[in-house]
């Protein structure tokens, strides 16, 4: 039972590390964006968050897990 808990914790920490990595990469790429481009990216981000909620509500866990990585 203890090994399973460690495996789940390791998987969760891997997803956290991936999320932090994408955040750092996005900050590096977007450091010199002009205002209009930044607004388009932000609207797309909100669309992904909305899609995440819809996918989760409909029971599509794989899509809901992968959507934030876009």
Protein backbone atom coordinates (compact mmCIF):
# COMPACT_ATOMS: atom_id res chain seq x y z
CA UNK A 1 0.00 0.00 0.00
CA UNK A 2 2.85 2.36 0.81
CA UNK A 3 4.47 1.78 -2.60
CA UNK A 4 1.23 2.68 -4.35
CA UNK A 5 1.02 5.94 -2.41
CA UNK A 6 4.57 6.80 -3.41
CA UNK A 7 3.80 6.02 -7.03
CA UNK A 8 0.76 8.32 -7.03
CA UNK A 9 2.76 11.04 -5.29
CA UNK A 10 5.56 10.67 -7.82
CA UNK A 11 3.11 10.91 -10.71
CA UNK A 12 1.50 14.03 -9.24
CA UNK A 13 4.89 15.66 -8.68
CA UNK A 14 5.85 14.83 -12.27
CA UNK A 15 2.75 16.65 -13.52
CA UNK A 16 3.55 19.61 -11.26
CA UNK A 17 7.10 19.73 -12.64
CA UNK A 18 5.76 19.62 -16.20
CA UNK A 19 3.36 22.46 -15.45
CA UNK A 20 6.11 24.59 -13.89
CA UNK A 21 8.34 23.87 -16.88
CA UNK A 22 5.65 25.00 -19.33
CA UNK A 23 5.06 28.11 -17.26
CA UNK A 24 8.75 29.00 -17.32
CA UNK A 25 8.96 28.32 -21.06
CA UNK A 26 5.89 30.47 -21.70
CA UNK A 27 7.31 33.31 -19.63
CA UNK A 28 10.59 33.12 -21.55
CA UNK A 29 8.91 33.05 -24.96
CA UNK A 30 6.39 35.76 -24.07
CA UNK A 31 8.81 38.19 -22.47
CA UNK A 32 8.80 40.49 -25.49
CA UNK A 33 5.27 40.13 -26.85
CA UNK A 34 3.42 43.27 -27.81
CA UNK A 35 0.02 44.00 -26.23
CA UNK A 36 -2.22 42.63 -29.00
CA UNK A 37 -0.41 39.32 -29.24
CA UNK A 38 -0.47 38.90 -25.48
CA UNK A 39 -4.25 39.47 -25.47
CA UNK A 40 -4.79 36.80 -28.15
CA UNK A 41 -2.69 34.32 -26.17
CA UNK A 42 -4.59 35.14 -22.99
CA UNK A 43 -7.96 34.61 -24.70
CA UNK A 44 -6.70 31.25 -26.00
CA UNK A 45 -5.60 30.36 -22.48
CA UNK A 46 -9.07 31.10 -21.12
CA UNK A 47 -10.53 28.95 -23.92
CA UNK A 48 -8.33 26.04 -22.81
CA UNK A 49 -9.45 26.48 -19.20
CA UNK A 50 -13.11 26.51 -20.30
CA UNK A 51 -12.50 23.40 -22.42
CA UNK A 52 -10.85 21.73 -19.44
CA UNK A 53 -13.95 22.29 -17.32
CA UNK A 54 -16.26 21.00 -20.06
CA UNK A 55 -14.12 17.91 -20.69
CA UNK A 56 -13.94 17.15 -16.98
CA UNK A 57 -17.70 17.54 -16.54
CA UNK A 58 -18.38 15.15 -19.41
CA UNK A 59 -16.04 12.50 -18.04
CA UNK A 60 -13.17 12.84 -20.54
CA UNK A 61 -10.36 12.59 -18.01
CA UNK A 62 -7.58 12.06 -20.56
CA UNK A 63 -8.55 15.19 -22.46
CA UNK A 64 -8.89 17.14 -19.23
CA UNK A 65 -5.40 16.01 -18.18
CA UNK A 66 -3.76 16.85 -21.50
CA UNK A 67 -5.52 20.12 -22.26
CA UNK A 68 -3.53 22.29 -19.83
CA UNK A 69 -0.33 21.21 -21.59
CA UNK A 70 -1.38 23.08 -24.74
